[in-house]
N, C-alpha and C. Protein backbone atom coordinates (compact mmCIF):
# COMPACT_ATOMS: atom_id res chain seq x y z
N UNK A 1 -0.84 7.31 -7.21
CA UNK A 1 -0.13 7.05 -6.28
C UNK A 1 -0.51 7.28 -4.33
N UNK A 2 -0.57 6.17 -3.93
CA UNK A 2 -1.31 6.50 -2.56
C UNK A 2 -0.37 6.69 -1.46
N UNK A 3 0.74 5.89 -1.63
CA UNK A 3 1.90 6.95 -0.92
C UNK A 3 3.30 6.56 -1.18
N UNK A 4 3.70 7.34 -0.32
CA UNK A 4 4.86 7.66 -1.08
C UNK A 4 6.12 7.16 0.26
N UNK A 5 6.89 6.35 0.95
CA UNK A 5 7.58 6.21 2.31
C UNK A 5 8.93 5.74 2.26
N UNK A 6 9.69 5.88 3.32
CA UNK A 6 11.27 5.93 3.28
C UNK A 6 11.18 4.34 4.13
N UNK A 7 12.46 3.57 4.30
CA UNK A 7 12.16 2.41 4.46
C UNK A 7 13.57 2.28 4.29
N UNK A 8 14.75 2.69 5.46
CA UNK A 8 16.32 1.53 5.79
C UNK A 8 16.64 2.78 4.67
N UNK A 9 16.71 4.04 4.53
CA UNK A 9 17.10 4.91 3.60
C UNK A 9 16.69 5.18 2.01
N UNK A 10 16.02 4.40 1.92
CA UNK A 10 15.38 4.57 0.34
C UNK A 10 14.05 4.59 0.14
N UNK A 11 13.33 5.21 -0.80
CA UNK A 11 11.78 5.74 -1.08
C UNK A 11 11.31 4.55 -1.78
N UNK A 12 10.22 4.35 -1.63
CA UNK A 12 9.12 3.45 -2.14
C UNK A 12 8.14 4.41 -2.58
N UNK A 13 7.04 4.13 -3.12
CA UNK A 13 6.19 3.94 -3.71
C UNK A 13 4.64 3.12 -3.96
N UNK A 14 3.45 3.32 -2.73
CA UNK A 14 2.74 2.23 -2.70
C UNK A 14 0.98 2.71 -3.38
N UNK A 15 0.73 1.52 -3.36
CA UNK A 15 -0.89 2.09 -4.07
C UNK A 15 -1.41 0.74 -4.03
N UNK A 16 -2.73 1.61 -3.05
CA UNK A 16 -3.85 0.49 -2.89
C UNK A 16 -4.58 0.40 -3.91
N UNK A 17 -4.66 -1.26 -3.90
CA UNK A 17 -5.91 -1.54 -5.01
C UNK A 17 -7.26 -2.56 -4.58
N UNK A 18 -8.63 -2.30 -5.08
CA UNK A 18 -9.23 -3.10 -4.76
C UNK A 18 -10.11 -4.03 -5.94
N UNK A 19 -9.07 -4.58 -6.65
CA UNK A 19 -9.16 -5.41 -7.66
C UNK A 19 -10.23 -6.77 -6.98
N UNK A 20 -10.55 -7.45 -7.83
CA UNK A 20 -10.82 -9.03 -7.20
C UNK A 20 -9.86 -9.91 -8.17
N UNK A 21 -9.73 -10.73 -7.51
CA UNK A 21 -8.82 -11.69 -8.67
C UNK A 21 -9.03 -13.39 -7.82
N UNK A 22 -9.37 -13.66 -8.90
CA UNK A 22 -9.54 -15.39 -8.67
C UNK A 22 -9.05 -15.67 -7.44
N UNK A 23 -7.57 -15.71 -7.49
CA UNK A 23 -6.61 -16.25 -6.97
C UNK A 23 -5.29 -15.35 -6.32
N UNK A 24 -4.98 -15.64 -5.84
CA UNK A 24 -3.63 -14.03 -4.66
C UNK A 24 -2.15 -15.02 -4.81
N UNK A 25 -2.47 -15.57 -5.62
CA UNK A 25 -0.45 -16.23 -5.59
C UNK A 25 -0.02 -15.73 -6.15
N UNK A 26 1.16 -16.07 -5.86
CA UNK A 26 2.04 -14.25 -6.66
C UNK A 26 1.92 -14.59 -8.21
N UNK A 27 2.18 -15.90 -8.58
CA UNK A 27 2.00 -15.98 -10.12
C UNK A 27 0.87 -15.12 -10.51
N UNK A 28 -0.23 -15.05 -9.87
CA UNK A 28 -1.83 -14.57 -10.45
C UNK A 28 -1.61 -13.29 -9.73
N UNK A 29 -0.93 -12.36 -9.15
CA UNK A 29 -0.43 -11.27 -8.68
C UNK A 29 0.15 -10.29 -9.93
N UNK A 30 1.11 -10.87 -10.11
CA UNK A 30 2.16 -10.23 -10.39
C UNK A 30 1.35 -10.25 -12.18
N UNK A 31 1.12 -11.25 -13.08
CA UNK A 31 0.17 -11.19 -14.07
C UNK A 31 -1.13 -9.86 -14.38
N UNK A 32 -1.55 -9.60 -13.06
CA UNK A 32 -2.95 -8.70 -12.95
C UNK A 32 -2.16 -7.24 -13.49
N UNK A 33 -0.46 -7.44 -12.00
CA UNK A 33 -0.01 -5.90 -11.98
C UNK A 33 0.46 -5.94 -13.82
N UNK A 34 1.21 -6.91 -14.15
CA UNK A 34 1.73 -6.28 -15.30
C UNK A 34 0.64 -6.21 -16.18
N UNK A 35 -0.05 -6.48 -16.57
CA UNK A 35 -1.53 -6.41 -17.68
C UNK A 35 -2.35 -5.11 -17.29
N UNK A 36 -2.51 -5.15 -16.02
CA UNK A 36 -3.06 -3.86 -15.50
C UNK A 36 -3.12 -2.30 -15.06
N UNK A 37 -2.31 -2.52 -15.05
CA UNK A 37 -0.87 -1.23 -13.82
C UNK A 37 0.73 -1.17 -14.46
N UNK A 38 0.98 -2.39 -15.51
CA UNK A 38 2.43 -1.77 -16.20
C UNK A 38 2.46 0.17 -16.20
N UNK A 39 1.94 0.39 -16.96
CA UNK A 39 2.14 1.53 -17.53
C UNK A 39 1.99 2.53 -16.42
N UNK A 40 0.91 2.48 -15.41
CA UNK A 40 0.98 3.39 -14.16
C UNK A 40 2.79 3.26 -13.48
N UNK A 41 2.83 1.72 -13.67
CA UNK A 41 3.87 1.53 -12.54
C UNK A 41 5.52 2.43 -12.78
N UNK A 42 5.29 2.25 -14.49
CA UNK A 42 6.08 2.91 -14.95
C UNK A 42 6.26 4.40 -15.04
N UNK A 43 4.88 5.31 -15.26
CA UNK A 43 5.12 6.82 -15.06
C UNK A 43 5.16 6.85 -13.17
N UNK A 44 4.56 6.05 -12.39
CA UNK A 44 4.96 6.14 -11.00
C UNK A 44 6.33 6.14 -11.11
N UNK A 45 7.00 5.39 -11.07
CA UNK A 45 8.72 5.07 -10.73
C UNK A 45 9.40 6.17 -11.73
N UNK A 46 8.95 6.66 -12.24
CA UNK A 46 9.86 7.61 -13.40
C UNK A 46 9.69 8.94 -12.63
N UNK A 47 7.91 9.29 -12.06
CA UNK A 47 7.62 10.46 -11.44
C UNK A 47 8.73 10.41 -10.15
N UNK A 48 9.01 9.30 -9.43
CA UNK A 48 9.66 9.03 -8.10
C UNK A 48 10.96 9.90 -8.07
N UNK A 49 11.50 9.02 -9.20
CA UNK A 49 13.46 9.26 -9.33
C UNK A 49 13.40 10.53 -9.42
N UNK A 50 12.25 11.21 -10.26
CA UNK A 50 12.84 12.41 -11.01
C UNK A 50 12.16 13.54 -9.61
N UNK A 51 11.30 13.01 -8.64
CA UNK A 51 11.04 14.46 -7.91
C UNK A 51 12.67 14.26 -7.19
N UNK A 52 13.05 12.87 -6.71
CA UNK A 52 13.76 12.87 -5.90
C UNK A 52 15.29 12.55 -6.19
N UNK A 53 15.77 13.44 -7.93
CA UNK A 53 16.82 13.75 -8.48
C UNK A 53 17.45 12.69 -8.67
N UNK A 54 16.98 11.75 -8.71
CA UNK A 54 18.45 10.85 -9.10
C UNK A 54 18.88 10.42 -10.21
N UNK A 55 20.57 10.84 -10.89
CA UNK A 55 20.03 10.88 -11.86
C UNK A 55 21.51 9.48 -12.30
N UNK A 56 21.94 9.09 -11.89
CA UNK A 56 23.14 8.21 -11.56
C UNK A 56 22.52 6.54 -11.29
N UNK A 57 23.11 5.60 -11.79
CA UNK A 57 22.87 4.46 -11.11
C UNK A 57 23.26 4.33 -9.66
N UNK A 58 24.44 4.51 -9.33
CA UNK A 58 24.83 5.11 -7.79
C UNK A 58 23.95 5.30 -6.86
N UNK A 59 23.11 6.52 -7.41
CA UNK A 59 22.14 7.58 -7.21
C UNK A 59 20.74 6.28 -6.32
N UNK A 60 20.65 5.97 -7.94
CA UNK A 60 19.44 5.08 -7.64
C UNK A 60 19.74 3.49 -6.46
N UNK A 61 20.59 3.04 -6.84
CA UNK A 61 20.45 2.45 -5.98
C UNK A 61 20.97 2.49 -4.35
N UNK A 62 21.10 3.62 -4.25
CA UNK A 62 21.09 3.64 -2.68
C UNK A 62 20.16 4.43 -2.12
N UNK A 63 19.04 5.36 -3.40
CA UNK A 63 17.79 5.89 -2.83
C UNK A 63 16.69 5.48 -3.14
N UNK A 64 16.52 4.42 -4.36
CA UNK A 64 15.04 3.90 -4.63
C UNK A 64 14.59 2.70 -4.23
N UNK A 65 13.75 2.48 -3.27
CA UNK A 65 13.51 1.34 -3.10
C UNK A 65 12.53 -0.25 -4.41
N UNK A 66 11.54 0.87 -4.29
CA UNK A 66 10.95 0.15 -5.61
C UNK A 66 9.13 0.86 -5.41
N UNK A 67 8.03 -0.44 -5.76
CA UNK A 67 7.10 -0.15 -5.86
C UNK A 67 6.27 -1.36 -5.01
N UNK A 68 5.47 -1.05 -5.26
CA UNK A 68 4.44 -1.84 -3.80
C UNK A 68 2.98 -1.78 -4.55
N UNK A 69 1.98 -2.73 -4.83
CA UNK A 69 0.87 -2.99 -4.77
C UNK A 69 0.17 -3.98 -3.82
N UNK A 70 -0.71 -3.23 -3.27
CA UNK A 70 -1.11 -3.86 -2.01
C UNK A 70 -2.64 -3.98 -2.13
N UNK A 71 -3.17 -5.29 -2.65
CA UNK A 71 -4.54 -5.58 -2.64
C UNK A 71 -5.35 -5.58 -1.93
N UNK A 72 -6.11 -5.41 -1.16
CA UNK A 72 -6.55 -5.08 0.19
C UNK A 72 -7.76 -6.17 0.09
N UNK A 73 -8.14 -6.57 -1.02
CA UNK A 73 -9.11 -8.18 -0.74
C UNK A 73 -8.23 -9.27 -0.44
N UNK A 74 -6.98 -9.08 -0.20
CA UNK A 74 -6.29 -10.40 -0.80
C UNK A 74 -5.09 -10.68 0.31
N UNK A 75 -4.98 -9.50 0.80
CA UNK A 75 -3.92 -8.84 2.09
C UNK A 75 -3.68 -10.40 3.37
N UNK A 76 -3.37 -10.98 3.44
CA UNK A 76 -1.26 -10.84 3.16
C UNK A 76 -0.87 -10.77 2.26
N UNK A 77 -1.49 -12.28 1.42
CA UNK A 77 -0.63 -12.40 0.17
C UNK A 77 -0.68 -12.10 -0.91
N UNK A 78 -1.75 -10.63 -1.11
CA UNK A 78 -2.38 -10.12 -2.14
C UNK A 78 -1.01 -8.80 -2.35
N UNK A 79 0.26 -9.17 -2.52
CA UNK A 79 1.18 -7.65 -2.41
C UNK A 79 1.97 -7.81 -3.48
N UNK A 80 2.45 -7.32 -4.10
CA UNK A 80 3.41 -7.39 -5.30
C UNK A 80 4.46 -6.09 -5.11
N UNK A 81 5.07 -6.71 -5.05
CA UNK A 81 6.50 -5.64 -4.47
C UNK A 81 7.65 -5.69 -5.72
N UNK A 82 8.00 -4.49 -6.24
CA UNK A 82 9.54 -4.97 -7.65
C UNK A 82 10.42 -3.46 -7.01
N UNK A 83 11.78 -3.77 -7.79
CA UNK A 83 12.81 -3.42 -7.74
C UNK A 83 12.77 -3.15 -9.11
N UNK A 84 12.57 -2.11 -10.30
CA UNK A 84 13.21 -2.29 -11.65
C UNK A 84 14.31 -1.35 -11.15
N UNK A 85 15.35 -2.21 -12.69
CA UNK A 85 16.78 -1.64 -13.00
C UNK A 85 16.49 -0.78 -13.14
N UNK A 86 18.04 -0.13 -13.10
CA UNK A 86 18.06 1.84 -13.15
C UNK A 86 17.78 1.52 -14.49
N UNK A 87 18.62 0.74 -15.91
CA UNK A 87 18.41 0.01 -17.00
C UNK A 87 16.77 0.55 -17.71
N UNK A 88 16.34 -0.37 -16.88
CA UNK A 88 14.64 -0.60 -16.81
C UNK A 88 14.30 0.82 -16.90
N UNK A 89 14.49 1.58 -15.86
CA UNK A 89 13.97 3.24 -15.95
C UNK A 89 14.29 3.81 -17.04
N UNK A 90 15.58 3.70 -17.23
CA UNK A 90 15.98 4.81 -18.27
C UNK A 90 15.16 4.24 -19.21
N UNK A 91 15.16 3.00 -19.67
CA UNK A 91 14.66 2.20 -21.12
C UNK A 91 12.77 2.91 -21.34
N UNK A 92 11.98 2.91 -19.91
CA UNK A 92 10.57 3.19 -19.95
C UNK A 92 10.87 5.27 -20.70
N UNK A 93 11.82 5.30 -19.56
CA UNK A 93 11.68 6.77 -20.01
C UNK A 93 11.84 6.99 -21.30
N UNK A 94 13.02 6.62 -21.97
CA UNK A 94 12.46 6.55 -23.70
C UNK A 94 11.44 6.22 -24.45
N UNK A 95 10.93 4.75 -23.72
CA UNK A 95 9.81 4.44 -24.21
C UNK A 95 8.60 5.56 -24.40
N UNK A 96 8.38 6.25 -23.05
CA UNK A 96 7.30 6.99 -23.17
C UNK A 96 7.64 7.74 -23.39
N UNK A 97 8.65 8.47 -23.93
CA UNK A 97 9.20 9.82 -24.58
C UNK A 97 8.70 9.69 -25.73
N UNK A 98 9.30 8.39 -26.70
CA UNK A 98 8.81 8.06 -27.66
C UNK A 98 7.15 8.42 -28.12
N UNK A 99 6.57 7.39 -27.54
CA UNK A 99 5.28 7.26 -27.65
C UNK A 99 4.41 9.02 -27.60
N UNK A 100 5.12 9.76 -26.49
CA UNK A 100 4.69 11.14 -26.78
C UNK A 100 4.68 12.19 -27.98
N UNK A 101 5.97 11.06 -28.42
CA UNK A 101 6.53 12.22 -29.27
C UNK A 101 5.63 12.24 -30.72
N UNK A 102 5.21 10.96 -31.17
CA UNK A 102 4.03 10.23 -31.61
C UNK A 102 2.79 10.56 -32.14
N UNK A 103 2.72 11.67 -31.06
CA UNK A 103 0.99 12.10 -30.99
C UNK A 103 1.56 13.75 -31.44
N UNK A 104 2.75 13.65 -31.62
CA UNK A 104 3.00 15.48 -32.13
C UNK A 104 3.22 15.70 -33.20
N UNK A 105 3.10 14.32 -34.26
CA UNK A 105 3.69 14.34 -36.08
C UNK A 105 2.18 15.26 -36.40
């Protein structure tokens, strides 16, 4: 996580990337982030939600802004922003906890 910032009352994380993509269109950037940074996004979002002490959907809606991946070689179009739902955050937490539990058996 390169930067945490607040905008209009919501907190976001941003991560600068220097990857080279063949195309900087929205679909290419989205696919690249999903394939290469999906787990990272989940971990960073979970850490930020926990750091902020967010425990309810209402608090999440009010305080968590989302995630930003900024590809410096592709700016200004090389930006991917996303705001996962509160349900996704819960699902990610369960999936990661299950993964970690598998290593303990």
